[in-house]
N, C-alpha and C. Protein backbone atom coordinates (compact mmCIF):
# COMPACT_ATOMS: atom_id res chain seq x y z
N UNK A 1 104.31 11.58 115.15
CA UNK A 1 104.79 10.69 114.12
C UNK A 1 106.25 11.01 113.84
N UNK A 2 107.08 9.99 113.74
CA UNK A 2 108.50 10.17 113.47
C UNK A 2 108.71 10.60 112.02
N UNK A 3 109.82 11.28 111.81
CA UNK A 3 110.17 11.68 110.45
C UNK A 3 110.56 10.45 109.65
N UNK A 4 110.06 10.38 108.44
CA UNK A 4 110.33 9.24 107.57
C UNK A 4 111.34 9.68 106.52
N UNK A 5 112.33 8.85 106.27
CA UNK A 5 113.33 9.13 105.24
C UNK A 5 112.83 8.56 103.92
N UNK A 6 112.19 9.42 103.13
CA UNK A 6 111.59 8.98 101.87
C UNK A 6 112.65 8.86 100.77
N UNK A 7 112.56 7.82 99.94
CA UNK A 7 113.48 7.71 98.81
C UNK A 7 113.18 8.80 97.77
N UNK A 8 114.19 9.17 97.02
CA UNK A 8 114.05 10.24 96.03
C UNK A 8 112.96 9.96 95.00
N UNK A 9 112.81 8.70 94.59
CA UNK A 9 111.80 8.39 93.57
C UNK A 9 110.39 8.63 94.10
N UNK A 10 110.17 8.37 95.36
CA UNK A 10 108.85 8.60 95.96
C UNK A 10 108.57 10.10 96.08
N UNK A 11 109.58 10.85 96.46
CA UNK A 11 109.45 12.32 96.52
C UNK A 11 109.14 12.86 95.13
N UNK A 12 109.82 12.37 94.12
CA UNK A 12 109.60 12.84 92.75
C UNK A 12 108.18 12.54 92.27
N UNK A 13 107.69 11.36 92.58
CA UNK A 13 106.31 11.01 92.21
C UNK A 13 105.30 11.94 92.86
N UNK A 14 105.48 12.19 94.15
CA UNK A 14 104.54 13.07 94.86
C UNK A 14 104.64 14.50 94.34
N UNK A 15 105.85 14.95 94.02
CA UNK A 15 106.00 16.30 93.45
C UNK A 15 105.25 16.40 92.11
N UNK A 16 105.36 15.37 91.29
CA UNK A 16 104.65 15.36 90.01
C UNK A 16 103.14 15.42 90.24
N UNK A 17 102.65 14.63 91.19
CA UNK A 17 101.22 14.63 91.49
C UNK A 17 100.78 16.00 92.01
N UNK A 18 101.57 16.60 92.89
CA UNK A 18 101.22 17.90 93.47
C UNK A 18 101.19 18.97 92.38
N UNK A 19 102.12 18.91 91.46
CA UNK A 19 102.14 19.85 90.33
C UNK A 19 100.87 19.70 89.50
N UNK A 20 100.49 18.45 89.22
CA UNK A 20 99.27 18.21 88.45
C UNK A 20 98.02 18.67 89.21
N UNK A 21 97.99 18.44 90.50
CA UNK A 21 96.86 18.87 91.32
C UNK A 21 96.73 20.39 91.28
N UNK A 22 97.83 21.09 91.45
CA UNK A 22 97.80 22.55 91.43
C UNK A 22 97.33 23.10 90.09
N UNK A 23 97.62 22.37 89.01
CA UNK A 23 97.21 22.80 87.68
C UNK A 23 95.81 22.31 87.33
N UNK A 24 95.20 21.54 88.23
CA UNK A 24 93.87 20.98 87.97
C UNK A 24 93.90 19.90 86.92
N UNK A 25 95.03 19.18 86.82
CA UNK A 25 95.19 18.19 85.77
C UNK A 25 95.74 16.87 86.28
N UNK A 26 95.41 16.49 87.49
CA UNK A 26 95.88 15.21 88.02
C UNK A 26 95.32 14.07 87.18
N UNK A 27 96.21 13.20 86.71
CA UNK A 27 95.78 12.06 85.91
C UNK A 27 95.65 10.82 86.79
N UNK A 28 94.84 9.91 86.31
CA UNK A 28 94.69 8.63 87.01
C UNK A 28 96.04 7.92 87.06
N UNK A 29 96.79 7.98 85.99
CA UNK A 29 98.09 7.30 85.93
C UNK A 29 99.04 7.83 87.01
N UNK A 30 99.08 9.14 87.18
CA UNK A 30 99.96 9.72 88.20
C UNK A 30 99.47 9.35 89.60
N UNK A 31 98.18 9.49 89.84
CA UNK A 31 97.62 9.16 91.15
C UNK A 31 97.87 7.69 91.49
N UNK A 32 97.70 6.82 90.52
CA UNK A 32 97.90 5.38 90.73
C UNK A 32 99.37 5.07 91.01
N UNK A 33 100.26 5.73 90.28
CA UNK A 33 101.69 5.50 90.49
C UNK A 33 102.10 5.89 91.91
N UNK A 34 101.60 7.02 92.37
CA UNK A 34 101.90 7.46 93.74
C UNK A 34 101.32 6.47 94.75
N UNK A 35 100.09 6.08 94.55
CA UNK A 35 99.43 5.14 95.46
C UNK A 35 100.22 3.83 95.57
N UNK A 36 100.59 3.28 94.43
CA UNK A 36 101.34 2.02 94.41
C UNK A 36 102.69 2.16 95.09
N UNK A 37 103.38 3.26 94.82
CA UNK A 37 104.69 3.48 95.41
C UNK A 37 104.60 3.68 96.93
N UNK A 38 103.59 4.41 97.36
CA UNK A 38 103.38 4.61 98.80
C UNK A 38 103.09 3.28 99.48
N UNK A 39 102.21 2.49 98.91
CA UNK A 39 101.85 1.19 99.50
C UNK A 39 103.07 0.27 99.56
N UNK A 40 103.86 0.23 98.50
CA UNK A 40 105.05 -0.63 98.47
C UNK A 40 106.08 -0.17 99.51
N UNK A 41 106.30 1.14 99.58
CA UNK A 41 107.26 1.66 100.55
C UNK A 41 106.80 1.39 101.98
N UNK A 42 105.52 1.61 102.24
CA UNK A 42 104.98 1.38 103.58
C UNK A 42 105.15 -0.08 103.99
N UNK A 43 104.84 -0.98 103.08
CA UNK A 43 104.97 -2.41 103.39
C UNK A 43 106.43 -2.78 103.66
N UNK A 44 107.32 -2.30 102.81
CA UNK A 44 108.74 -2.61 102.95
C UNK A 44 109.32 -2.02 104.23
N UNK A 45 108.86 -0.83 104.61
CA UNK A 45 109.38 -0.15 105.80
C UNK A 45 108.67 -0.56 107.08
N UNK A 46 107.58 -1.33 106.95
CA UNK A 46 106.83 -1.74 108.13
C UNK A 46 106.04 -0.60 108.76
N UNK A 47 105.59 0.32 107.92
CA UNK A 47 104.83 1.48 108.39
C UNK A 47 103.42 1.41 107.85
N UNK A 48 102.52 2.19 108.45
CA UNK A 48 101.16 2.23 107.91
C UNK A 48 101.16 3.07 106.64
N UNK A 49 100.35 2.67 105.69
CA UNK A 49 100.24 3.40 104.43
C UNK A 49 99.79 4.82 104.70
N UNK A 50 98.87 5.00 105.62
CA UNK A 50 98.36 6.33 105.94
C UNK A 50 99.47 7.22 106.49
N UNK A 51 100.31 6.69 107.38
CA UNK A 51 101.41 7.47 107.92
C UNK A 51 102.39 7.88 106.83
N UNK A 52 102.67 6.94 105.92
CA UNK A 52 103.59 7.24 104.82
C UNK A 52 102.99 8.30 103.91
N UNK A 53 101.73 8.14 103.53
CA UNK A 53 101.09 9.10 102.64
C UNK A 53 101.02 10.49 103.28
N UNK A 54 100.64 10.54 104.53
CA UNK A 54 100.54 11.82 105.23
C UNK A 54 101.91 12.49 105.34
N UNK A 55 102.91 11.72 105.72
CA UNK A 55 104.26 12.26 105.84
C UNK A 55 104.83 12.73 104.51
N UNK A 56 104.54 11.97 103.47
CA UNK A 56 105.03 12.33 102.13
C UNK A 56 104.39 13.63 101.66
N UNK A 57 103.09 13.75 101.83
CA UNK A 57 102.41 14.99 101.43
C UNK A 57 102.96 16.17 102.23
N UNK A 58 103.18 15.98 103.51
CA UNK A 58 103.74 17.04 104.36
C UNK A 58 105.11 17.44 103.85
N UNK A 59 105.94 16.45 103.53
CA UNK A 59 107.32 16.73 103.07
C UNK A 59 107.34 17.49 101.76
N UNK A 60 106.42 17.15 100.85
CA UNK A 60 106.43 17.77 99.53
C UNK A 60 105.66 19.09 99.53
N UNK A 61 104.50 19.10 100.11
CA UNK A 61 103.63 20.27 100.01
C UNK A 61 103.96 21.38 100.99
N UNK A 62 104.66 21.04 102.05
CA UNK A 62 104.96 22.03 103.08
C UNK A 62 106.45 22.11 103.35
N UNK A 63 107.24 21.77 102.33
CA UNK A 63 108.70 21.79 102.50
C UNK A 63 109.17 23.22 102.67
N UNK A 64 110.13 23.38 103.52
CA UNK A 64 110.71 24.70 103.70
C UNK A 64 111.60 24.99 102.50
N UNK A 65 111.38 26.12 101.87
CA UNK A 65 112.10 26.41 100.67
C UNK A 65 113.17 27.35 100.88
C-alpha cells in the first residue's frame, strides 16, 4: 500500500481517538467523527475507506517518535 498524505485534521482526530482508547474512554462522538472524516477523505481521494483507515491508524499508533 502506498503512503497516504493525511491532512492534519484527520491525524488530530485519530490521535484523539487513540488517546481515548488507551484510557478506556472512547466515546461514540469521537469514534463517529473519525469514521465520517475517514470516509469523506477516502471518497475525495479516490481510495478505499479500509486503506485510509488502516494507513491512518498505522501513522498515528506506530509513528516513529
